[in-house]
Amino acid sequence: METTCTFCGKIFSVKPHRLKKQKTCCCSRKCKGSLHSITNTGKNNGNYKGGLVKVKCPICGKAIERKLNQIKKTTRSYCSRKCMHIGHSLFYSGKNNPKYKFGKKAASYKTFVKKIGYAEKTKRSEDGSLSVTCTYCGKYFTPTYNQVQDRVKALNGSVPDERRFYCSDGCRDGCPIYFQKKFPRGFKNATSREVIPLLRQLVFKRDKYECQKCGSTKKLHCHHIQSYKLNIILSNDPDNCITLCKKCHKQVHAQRDCTYQDLKCA
């Protein structure tokens, strides 16, 4: 079947089914490319949204032209890559970073919740950052980006350590399993002096994470009011426990018949 080229007007042969599928028909690829450049560029493009707009580079002040849809996608337009790198260092580093929190970059909830959500208790903060629970006290806090990355590596088996989350240095130092490969700190063959994590976190939450003697919120310990050596039944009872800071805990165990030597397991 013979037809006329849409671009150059040359008569050529073509199969009938091609005419049914295509609105335009060209005799060669050269004519097809030329026709496409005329009918599908600029204002003739179906995705065209406005013309060029003159803007200034925020770094050097040079006038540049950008498409309207490009300006809507970004807040700043740069004239070169050099100006773009300078702008990123000025507008998106340090405190200017939208993820900046407490002096360090925070991790995004949307990015990391699937990577650690199966192993940690997580929740979304108001600013969209990731919040997790402290391994020792069970309190929600916002870890840094590097801490979350280290925990992901540990869960994937890339590093030998567990890299668990701790809200403070006091919780990290007081945790019996921190940096312990085989046994918890203070472990004995009969039993361990450290209370179980669930009991400790319940007591801390009940006492609002404050020492019930001095009101301190740092380096908290869970203390048995009545020693578990004297009454094993009350060893895991929250009503038999109280929240004390490290200093007050030492003062309590310095009293007569309550020293660590008196309560030492046989």
C-alpha atoms as a PDB file:
ATOM      1  CA  MET A   1       0.000   0.000   0.000  1.00  0.00           C
ATOM      2  CA  GLU A   2       1.335   3.417  -0.950  1.00  0.00           C
ATOM      3  CA  THR A   3       1.154   6.495   1.270  1.00  0.00           C
ATOM      4  CA  THR A   4       2.729   9.932   1.619  1.00  0.00           C
ATOM      5  CA  CYS A   5       5.479  10.745   4.161  1.00  0.00           C
ATOM      6  CA  THR A   6       4.144  13.132   6.797  1.00  0.00           C
ATOM      7  CA  PHE A   7       7.406  15.114   6.916  1.00  0.00           C
ATOM      8  CA  CYS A   8       8.880  15.279   3.390  1.00  0.00           C
ATOM      9  CA  GLY A   9       5.834  14.338   1.247  1.00  0.00           C
ATOM     10  CA  LYS A  10       7.591  11.446  -0.498  1.00  0.00           C
ATOM     11  CA  ILE A  11       5.400   8.578  -1.720  1.00  0.00           C
ATOM     12  CA  PHE A  12       6.502   5.150  -0.418  1.00  0.00           C
ATOM     13  CA  SER A  13       5.099   1.675   0.207  1.00  0.00           C
ATOM     14  CA  VAL A  14       3.938   0.608   3.670  1.00  0.00           C
ATOM     15  CA  LYS A  15       1.991  -2.284   5.202  1.00  0.00           C
ATOM     16  CA  PRO A  16      -1.703  -1.529   5.917  1.00  0.00           C
ATOM     17  CA  HIS A  17      -1.578  -2.481   9.620  1.00  0.00           C
ATOM     18  CA  ARG A  18       1.049   0.251  10.271  1.00  0.00           C
ATOM     19  CA  LEU A  19      -1.324   2.942   9.058  1.00  0.00           C
ATOM     20  CA  LYS A  20      -4.004   1.786  11.520  1.00  0.00           C
ATOM     21  CA  LYS A  21      -1.632   1.900  14.541  1.00  0.00           C
ATOM     22  CA  GLN A  22       0.140   5.198  13.809  1.00  0.00           C
ATOM     23  CA  LYS A  23      -1.373   8.613  13.178  1.00  0.00           C
ATOM     24  CA  THR A  24       1.732   9.750  11.301  1.00  0.00           C
ATOM     25  CA  CYS A  25       3.919   7.714   8.973  1.00  0.00           C
ATOM     26  CA  CYS A  26       7.422   8.620   7.757  1.00  0.00           C
ATOM     27  CA  CYS A  27       9.514   7.155   4.964  1.00  0.00           C
ATOM     28  CA  SER A  28      12.757   6.950   6.987  1.00  0.00           C
ATOM     29  CA  ARG A  29      14.188   7.315  10.493  1.00  0.00           C
ATOM     30  CA  LYS A  30      15.658  10.681   9.542  1.00  0.00           C
ATOM     31  CA  CYS A  31      12.216  12.059   8.679  1.00  0.00           C
ATOM     32  CA  LYS A  32      10.726  10.478  11.799  1.00  0.00           C
ATOM     33  CA  GLY A  33      13.370  12.132  14.041  1.00  0.00           C
ATOM     34  CA  SER A  34      12.937  15.518  12.373  1.00  0.00           C
ATOM     35  CA  LEU A  35       9.160  15.334  12.744  1.00  0.00           C
ATOM     36  CA  HIS A  36       9.474  14.332  16.423  1.00  0.00           C
ATOM     37  CA  SER A  37      11.780  17.305  17.164  1.00  0.00           C
ATOM     38  CA  ILE A  38       9.197  19.669  15.707  1.00  0.00           C
ATOM     39  CA  THR A  39       6.003  18.227  17.161  1.00  0.00           C
ATOM     40  CA  ASN A  40       7.208  17.081  20.629  1.00  0.00           C
ATOM     41  CA  THR A  41       9.566  19.784  21.872  1.00  0.00           C
ATOM     42  CA  GLY A  42       8.961  23.085  23.622  1.00  0.00           C
ATOM     43  CA  LYS A  43       5.316  24.105  23.927  1.00  0.00           C
ATOM     44  CA  ASN A  44       4.273  21.195  21.689  1.00  0.00           C
ATOM     45  CA  ASN A  45       5.422  18.701  24.313  1.00  0.00           C
ATOM     46  CA  GLY A  46       2.570  17.115  26.277  1.00  0.00           C
ATOM     47  CA  ASN A  47       4.534  17.535  29.540  1.00  0.00           C
ATOM     48  CA  TYR A  48       5.329  21.196  28.888  1.00  0.00           C
ATOM     49  CA  LYS A  49       4.548  23.348  31.952  1.00  0.00           C
ATOM     50  CA  GLY A  50       5.307  26.986  31.325  1.00  0.00           C
ATOM     51  CA  GLY A  51       8.319  28.574  29.656  1.00  0.00           C
ATOM     52  CA  LEU A  52      11.732  29.578  30.920  1.00  0.00           C
ATOM     53  CA  VAL A  53      12.028  31.771  33.990  1.00  0.00           C
ATOM     54  CA  LYS A  54      15.026  33.930  34.879  1.00  0.00           C
ATOM     55  CA  VAL A  55      16.433  33.321  38.372  1.00  0.00           C
ATOM     56  CA  LYS A  56      19.643  34.209  40.201  1.00  0.00           C
ATOM     57  CA  CYS A  57      22.218  31.748  41.482  1.00  0.00           C
ATOM     58  CA  PRO A  58      22.168  32.051  45.327  1.00  0.00           C
ATOM     59  CA  ILE A  59      25.984  31.734  45.500  1.00  0.00           C
ATOM     60  CA  CYS A  60      27.455  33.917  42.752  1.00  0.00           C
ATOM     61  CA  GLY A  61      24.349  35.910  41.770  1.00  0.00           C
ATOM     62  CA  LYS A  62      24.607  34.990  38.085  1.00  0.00           C
ATOM     63  CA  ALA A  63      21.327  35.198  36.097  1.00  0.00           C
ATOM     64  CA  ILE A  64      20.247  31.817  34.703  1.00  0.00           C
ATOM     65  CA  GLU A  65      17.175  30.415  32.942  1.00  0.00           C
ATOM     66  CA  ARG A  66      15.262  27.489  34.341  1.00  0.00           C
ATOM     67  CA  LYS A  67      11.999  25.767  33.466  1.00  0.00           C
ATOM     68  CA  LEU A  68       9.013  26.519  35.671  1.00  0.00           C
ATOM     69  CA  ASN A  69       8.555  22.871  36.691  1.00  0.00           C
ATOM     70  CA  GLN A  70      12.248  22.700  37.712  1.00  0.00           C
ATOM     71  CA  ILE A  71      11.839  25.704  40.007  1.00  0.00           C
ATOM     72  CA  LYS A  72       8.795  24.169  41.700  1.00  0.00           C
ATOM     73  CA  LYS A  73      10.739  20.999  42.561  1.00  0.00           C
ATOM     74  CA  THR A  74      13.625  22.751  44.324  1.00  0.00           C
ATOM     75  CA  THR A  75      13.982  25.867  46.471  1.00  0.00           C
ATOM     76  CA  ARG A  76      17.336  26.919  44.964  1.00  0.00           C
ATOM     77  CA  SER A  77      18.791  26.796  41.434  1.00  0.00           C
ATOM     78  CA  TYR A  78      22.544  26.922  40.827  1.00  0.00           C
ATOM     79  CA  CYS A  79      24.458  27.974  37.718  1.00  0.00           C
ATOM     80  CA  SER A  80      27.129  25.253  38.018  1.00  0.00           C
ATOM     81  CA  ARG A  81      28.136  22.189  40.025  1.00  0.00           C
ATOM     82  CA  LYS A  82      30.753  24.223  41.858  1.00  0.00           C
ATOM     83  CA  CYS A  83      28.098  26.625  43.152  1.00  0.00           C
ATOM     84  CA  MET A  84      25.821  23.658  43.969  1.00  0.00           C
ATOM     85  CA  HIS A  85      28.476  22.041  46.205  1.00  0.00           C
ATOM     86  CA  ILE A  86      29.123  25.352  47.960  1.00  0.00           C
ATOM     87  CA  GLY A  87      25.398  25.858  48.476  1.00  0.00           C
ATOM     88  CA  HIS A  88      24.903  22.378  49.947  1.00  0.00           C
ATOM     89  CA  SER A  89      27.724  22.954  52.425  1.00  0.00           C
ATOM     90  CA  LEU A  90      26.124  26.263  53.479  1.00  0.00           C
ATOM     91  CA  PHE A  91      22.435  25.401  53.522  1.00  0.00           C
ATOM     92  CA  TYR A  92      22.370  21.658  54.347  1.00  0.00           C
ATOM     93  CA  SER A  93      25.201  21.021  56.817  1.00  0.00           C
ATOM     94  CA  GLY A  94      25.418  21.296  60.597  1.00  0.00           C
ATOM     95  CA  LYS A  95      22.454  23.025  62.235  1.00  0.00           C
ATOM     96  CA  ASN A  96      21.024  23.912  58.804  1.00  0.00           C
ATOM     97  CA  ASN A  97      20.426  20.237  58.065  1.00  0.00           C
ATOM     98  CA  PRO A  98      16.669  19.477  58.435  1.00  0.00           C
ATOM     99  CA  LYS A  99      17.596  16.215  60.235  1.00  0.00           C
ATOM    100  CA  TYR A 100      19.890  17.977  62.717  1.00  0.00           C
ATOM    101  CA  LYS A 101      19.000  17.109  66.334  1.00  0.00           C
ATOM    102  CA  PHE A 102      20.934  17.528  69.598  1.00  0.00           C
ATOM    103  CA  GLY A 103      24.126  18.420  67.755  1.00  0.00           C
ATOM    104  CA  LYS A 104      24.112  15.338  65.507  1.00  0.00           C
ATOM    105  CA  LYS A 105      22.210  14.095  62.488  1.00  0.00           C
ATOM    106  CA  ALA A 106      19.153  12.013  63.379  1.00  0.00           C
ATOM    107  CA  ALA A 107      17.945   8.961  61.444  1.00  0.00           C
ATOM    108  CA  SER A 108      14.750   9.038  59.405  1.00  0.00           C
ATOM    109  CA  TYR A 109      11.888   6.842  60.657  1.00  0.00           C
ATOM    110  CA  LYS A 110      10.708   6.043  57.140  1.00  0.00           C
ATOM    111  CA  THR A 111      14.159   4.864  56.056  1.00  0.00           C
ATOM    112  CA  PHE A 112      15.149   2.642  59.002  1.00  0.00           C
ATOM    113  CA  VAL A 113      11.911   1.333  60.561  1.00  0.00           C
ATOM    114  CA  LYS A 114      11.854  -1.720  58.270  1.00  0.00           C
ATOM    115  CA  LYS A 115      15.537  -2.451  58.894  1.00  0.00           C
ATOM    116  CA  ILE A 116      15.413  -2.547  62.709  1.00  0.00           C
ATOM    117  CA  GLY A 117      11.674  -2.643  63.502  1.00  0.00           C
ATOM    118  CA  TYR A 118      11.694  -6.428  63.891  1.00  0.00           C
ATOM    119  CA  ALA A 119      14.391  -6.276  66.606  1.00  0.00           C
ATOM    120  CA  GLU A 120      13.704  -2.956  68.404  1.00  0.00           C
ATOM    121  CA  LYS A 121      10.702  -1.052  69.759  1.00  0.00           C
ATOM    122  CA  THR A 122      10.382   1.991  67.518  1.00  0.00           C
ATOM    123  CA  LYS A 123       8.105   4.990  67.071  1.00  0.00           C
ATOM    124  CA  ARG A 124       7.976   8.096  64.897  1.00  0.00           C
ATOM    125  CA  SER A 125       8.936  11.455  66.456  1.00  0.00           C
ATOM    126  CA  GLU A 126       7.154  14.702  65.640  1.00  0.00           C
ATOM    127  CA  ASP A 127       9.939  15.790  63.277  1.00  0.00           C
ATOM    128  CA  GLY A 128       9.894  12.441  61.431  1.00  0.00           C
ATOM    129  CA  SER A 129      13.019  11.030  63.075  1.00  0.00           C
ATOM    130  CA  LEU A 130      13.341   7.537  64.525  1.00  0.00           C
ATOM    131  CA  SER A 131      12.901   6.931  68.269  1.00  0.00           C
ATOM    132  CA  VAL A 132      13.882   3.656  69.977  1.00  0.00           C
ATOM    133  CA  THR A 133      13.918   2.273  73.524  1.00  0.00           C
ATOM    134  CA  CYS A 134      17.028   2.150  75.679  1.00  0.00           C
ATOM    135  CA  THR A 135      18.259  -1.411  76.249  1.00  0.00           C
ATOM    136  CA  TYR A 136      18.839  -0.752  79.944  1.00  0.00           C
ATOM    137  CA  CYS A 137      16.003   1.525  81.163  1.00  0.00           C
ATOM    138  CA  GLY A 138      13.438   1.057  78.357  1.00  0.00           C
ATOM    139  CA  LYS A 139      12.965   4.813  77.858  1.00  0.00           C
ATOM    140  CA  TYR A 140      12.282   6.175  74.351  1.00  0.00           C
ATOM    141  CA  PHE A 141      14.998   8.462  72.946  1.00  0.00           C
ATOM    142  CA  THR A 142      16.289   9.648  69.548  1.00  0.00           C
ATOM    143  CA  PRO A 143      19.564   7.942  68.516  1.00  0.00           C
ATOM    144  CA  THR A 144      22.029   9.479  66.088  1.00  0.00           C
ATOM    145  CA  TYR A 145      22.258   8.435  62.456  1.00  0.00           C
ATOM    146  CA  ASN A 146      25.574   6.656  63.063  1.00  0.00           C
ATOM    147  CA  GLN A 147      24.153   4.688  66.010  1.00  0.00           C
ATOM    148  CA  VAL A 148      21.284   3.412  63.864  1.00  0.00           C
ATOM    149  CA  GLN A 149      23.656   2.496  61.046  1.00  0.00           C
ATOM    150  CA  ASP A 150      25.842   0.538  63.478  1.00  0.00           C
ATOM    151  CA  ARG A 151      22.803  -1.334  64.827  1.00  0.00           C
ATOM    152  CA  VAL A 152      21.724  -2.253  61.287  1.00  0.00           C
ATOM    153  CA  LYS A 153      25.200  -3.624  60.560  1.00  0.00           C
ATOM    154  CA  ALA A 154      25.073  -5.670  63.766  1.00  0.00           C
ATOM    155  CA  LEU A 155      21.667  -7.142  62.876  1.00  0.00           C
ATOM    156  CA  ASN A 156      22.929  -8.027  59.390  1.00  0.00           C
ATOM    157  CA  GLY A 157      25.992  -9.740  60.858  1.00  0.00           C
ATOM    158  CA  SER A 158      28.504  -7.297  59.337  1.00  0.00           C
ATOM    159  CA  VAL A 159      30.120  -6.580  62.737  1.00  0.00           C
ATOM    160  CA  PRO A 160      30.745  -8.995  65.650  1.00  0.00           C
ATOM    161  CA  ASP A 161      29.206  -6.749  68.342  1.00  0.00           C
ATOM    162  CA  GLU A 162      25.495  -6.160  68.959  1.00  0.00           C
ATOM    163  CA  ARG A 163      25.708  -2.319  68.998  1.00  0.00           C
ATOM    164  CA  ARG A 164      22.594  -1.925  71.157  1.00  0.00           C
ATOM    165  CA  PHE A 165      20.941   1.437  71.908  1.00  0.00           C
ATOM    166  CA  TYR A 166      21.584   3.306  75.186  1.00  0.00           C
ATOM    167  CA  CYS A 167      20.047   6.692  76.017  1.00  0.00           C
ATOM    168  CA  SER A 168      23.019   7.810  78.167  1.00  0.00           C
ATOM    169  CA  ASP A 169      26.496   6.810  79.291  1.00  0.00           C
ATOM    170  CA  GLY A 170      25.068   5.875  82.698  1.00  0.00           C
ATOM    171  CA  CYS A 171      22.693   3.298  81.185  1.00  0.00           C
ATOM    172  CA  ARG A 172      25.452   1.957  78.986  1.00  0.00           C
ATOM    173  CA  ASP A 173      27.900   1.541  81.888  1.00  0.00           C
ATOM    174  CA  GLY A 174      25.234   0.110  84.198  1.00  0.00           C
ATOM    175  CA  CYS A 175      23.943  -2.475  81.715  1.00  0.00           C
ATOM    176  CA  PRO A 176      25.177  -5.964  82.690  1.00  0.00           C
ATOM    177  CA  ILE A 177      25.344  -7.194  79.067  1.00  0.00           C
ATOM    178  CA  TYR A 178      27.228  -4.232  77.576  1.00  0.00           C
ATOM    179  CA  PHE A 179      30.479  -5.405  75.944  1.00  0.00           C
ATOM    180  CA  GLN A 180      30.073  -8.852  77.504  1.00  0.00           C
ATOM    181  CA  LYS A 181      30.489 -11.679  75.000  1.00  0.00           C
ATOM    182  CA  LYS A 182      29.729 -14.743  77.141  1.00  0.00           C
ATOM    183  CA  PHE A 183      28.331 -13.780  80.537  1.00  0.00           C
ATOM    184  CA  PRO A 184      26.742 -10.598  81.975  1.00  0.00           C
ATOM    185  CA  ARG A 185      28.736  -8.405  84.328  1.00  0.00           C
ATOM    186  CA  GLY A 186      28.576  -9.781  87.904  1.00  0.00           C
ATOM    187  CA  PHE A 187      27.477 -13.253  86.760  1.00  0.00           C
ATOM    188  CA  LYS A 188      27.745 -16.127  89.258  1.00  0.00           C
ATOM    189  CA  ASN A 189      27.033 -19.820  88.930  1.00  0.00           C
ATOM    190  CA  ALA A 190      24.054 -19.674  91.319  1.00  0.00           C
ATOM    191  CA  THR A 191      22.409 -16.450  90.113  1.00  0.00           C
ATOM    192  CA  SER A 192      23.118 -12.889  88.986  1.00  0.00           C
ATOM    193  CA  ARG A 193      22.732  -9.828  91.212  1.00  0.00           C
ATOM    194  CA  GLU A 194      21.316  -7.789  88.324  1.00  0.00           C
ATOM    195  CA  VAL A 195      17.504  -7.745  88.068  1.00  0.00           C
ATOM    196  CA  ILE A 196      15.896  -8.891  84.828  1.00  0.00           C
ATOM    197  CA  PRO A 197      15.478  -6.132  82.200  1.00  0.00           C
ATOM    198  CA  LEU A 198      11.652  -6.274  82.175  1.00  0.00           C
ATOM    199  CA  LEU A 199      11.434  -5.769  85.956  1.00  0.00           C
ATOM    200  CA  ARG A 200      13.929  -2.911  85.857  1.00  0.00           C
ATOM    201  CA  GLN A 201      12.082  -1.108  83.065  1.00  0.00           C
ATOM    202  CA  LEU A 202       8.707  -1.523  84.831  1.00  0.00           C
ATOM    203  CA  VAL A 203      10.097  -0.001  88.031  1.00  0.00           C
ATOM    204  CA  PHE A 204      11.770   2.877  86.171  1.00  0.00           C
ATOM    205  CA  LYS A 205       8.554   3.671  84.304  1.00  0.00           C
ATOM    206  CA  ARG A 206       6.500   3.559  87.511  1.00  0.00           C
ATOM    207  CA  ASP A 207       8.916   5.921  89.285  1.00  0.00           C
ATOM    208  CA  LYS A 208       9.032   8.251  86.214  1.00  0.00           C
ATOM    209  CA  TYR A 209      12.760   7.638  85.684  1.00  0.00           C
ATOM    210  CA  GLU A 210      13.728   9.519  88.864  1.00  0.00           C
ATOM    211  CA  CYS A 211      15.685   8.500  91.941  1.00  0.00           C
ATOM    212  CA  GLN A 212      13.152   8.221  94.778  1.00  0.00           C
ATOM    213  CA  LYS A 213      15.694   9.515  97.283  1.00  0.00           C
ATOM    214  CA  CYS A 214      17.380  12.541  95.651  1.00  0.00           C
ATOM    215  CA  GLY A 215      15.373  13.051  92.434  1.00  0.00           C
ATOM    216  CA  SER A 216      18.294  12.472  90.069  1.00  0.00           C
ATOM    217  CA  THR A 217      17.586  11.162  86.549  1.00  0.00           C
ATOM    218  CA  LYS A 218      21.112   9.902  85.747  1.00  0.00           C
ATOM    219  CA  LYS A 219      22.719   6.475  86.322  1.00  0.00           C
ATOM    220  CA  LEU A 220      19.553   4.845  87.674  1.00  0.00           C
ATOM    221  CA  HIS A 221      19.544   1.449  89.391  1.00  0.00           C
ATOM    222  CA  CYS A 222      16.735  -0.876  90.426  1.00  0.00           C
ATOM    223  CA  HIS A 223      17.064  -1.685  94.162  1.00  0.00           C
ATOM    224  CA  HIS A 224      15.361  -4.509  96.075  1.00  0.00           C
ATOM    225  CA  ILE A 225      13.743  -3.149  99.247  1.00  0.00           C
ATOM    226  CA  GLN A 226      13.821  -6.612 100.782  1.00  0.00           C
ATOM    227  CA  SER A 227      16.767  -8.654  99.596  1.00  0.00           C
ATOM    228  CA  TYR A 228      15.988 -11.581  97.324  1.00  0.00           C
ATOM    229  CA  LYS A 229      18.370 -13.629  99.480  1.00  0.00           C
ATOM    230  CA  LEU A 230      15.975 -13.202 102.415  1.00  0.00           C
ATOM    231  CA  ASN A 231      12.792 -13.625 100.362  1.00  0.00           C
ATOM    232  CA  ILE A 232      13.157 -15.249  96.949  1.00  0.00           C
ATOM    233  CA  ILE A 233       9.390 -15.032  96.303  1.00  0.00           C
ATOM    234  CA  LEU A 234       9.567 -11.213  96.169  1.00  0.00           C
ATOM    235  CA  SER A 235      12.652 -11.143  93.939  1.00  0.00           C
ATOM    236  CA  ASN A 236      10.649 -10.301  90.788  1.00  0.00           C
ATOM    237  CA  ASP A 237       7.884  -8.266  92.443  1.00  0.00           C
ATOM    238  CA  PRO A 238       7.852  -4.591  91.277  1.00  0.00           C
ATOM    239  CA  ASP A 239       6.352  -3.547  94.624  1.00  0.00           C
ATOM    240  CA  ASN A 240       9.510  -4.807  96.305  1.00  0.00           C
ATOM    241  CA  CYS A 241      11.723  -2.625  94.095  1.00  0.00           C
ATOM    242  CA  ILE A 242      12.522   1.081  94.027  1.00  0.00           C
ATOM    243  CA  THR A 243      14.440   3.363  91.657  1.00  0.00           C
ATOM    244  CA  LEU A 244      17.685   4.799  93.047  1.00  0.00           C
ATOM    245  CA  CYS A 245      20.617   6.564  91.434  1.00  0.00           C
ATOM    246  CA  LYS A 246      24.074   5.002  91.619  1.00  0.00           C
ATOM    247  CA  LYS A 247      25.177   7.264  94.502  1.00  0.00           C
ATOM    248  CA  CYS A 248      22.069   6.630  96.624  1.00  0.00           C
ATOM    249  CA  HIS A 249      22.244   2.924  95.835  1.00  0.00           C
ATOM    250  CA  LYS A 250      25.757   2.781  97.312  1.00  0.00           C
ATOM    251  CA  GLN A 251      24.614   4.668 100.409  1.00  0.00           C
ATOM    252  CA  VAL A 252      21.769   2.201 100.989  1.00  0.00           C
ATOM    253  CA  HIS A 253      24.077  -0.797 100.662  1.00  0.00           C
ATOM    254  CA  ALA A 254      26.564   0.813 103.047  1.00  0.00           C
ATOM    255  CA  GLN A 255      24.098   0.356 105.950  1.00  0.00           C
ATOM    256  CA  ARG A 256      24.454  -2.449 108.451  1.00  0.00           C
ATOM    257  CA  ASP A 257      23.273  -5.911 107.319  1.00  0.00           C
ATOM    258  CA  CYS A 258      22.710  -4.490 103.817  1.00  0.00           C
ATOM    259  CA  THR A 259      26.257  -4.320 102.460  1.00  0.00           C
ATOM    260  CA  TYR A 260      27.168  -6.176  99.282  1.00  0.00           C
ATOM    261  CA  GLN A 261      29.345  -8.498 101.396  1.00  0.00           C
ATOM    262  CA  ASP A 262      26.365  -9.385 103.624  1.00  0.00           C
ATOM    263  CA  LEU A 263      24.169 -10.099 100.589  1.00  0.00           C
ATOM    264  CA  LYS A 264      26.856 -11.899  98.606  1.00  0.00           C
ATOM    265  CA  CYS A 265      25.640 -15.156  97.115  1.00  0.00           C
ATOM    266  CA  ALA A 266      27.300 -18.293  98.378  1.00  0.00           C
END
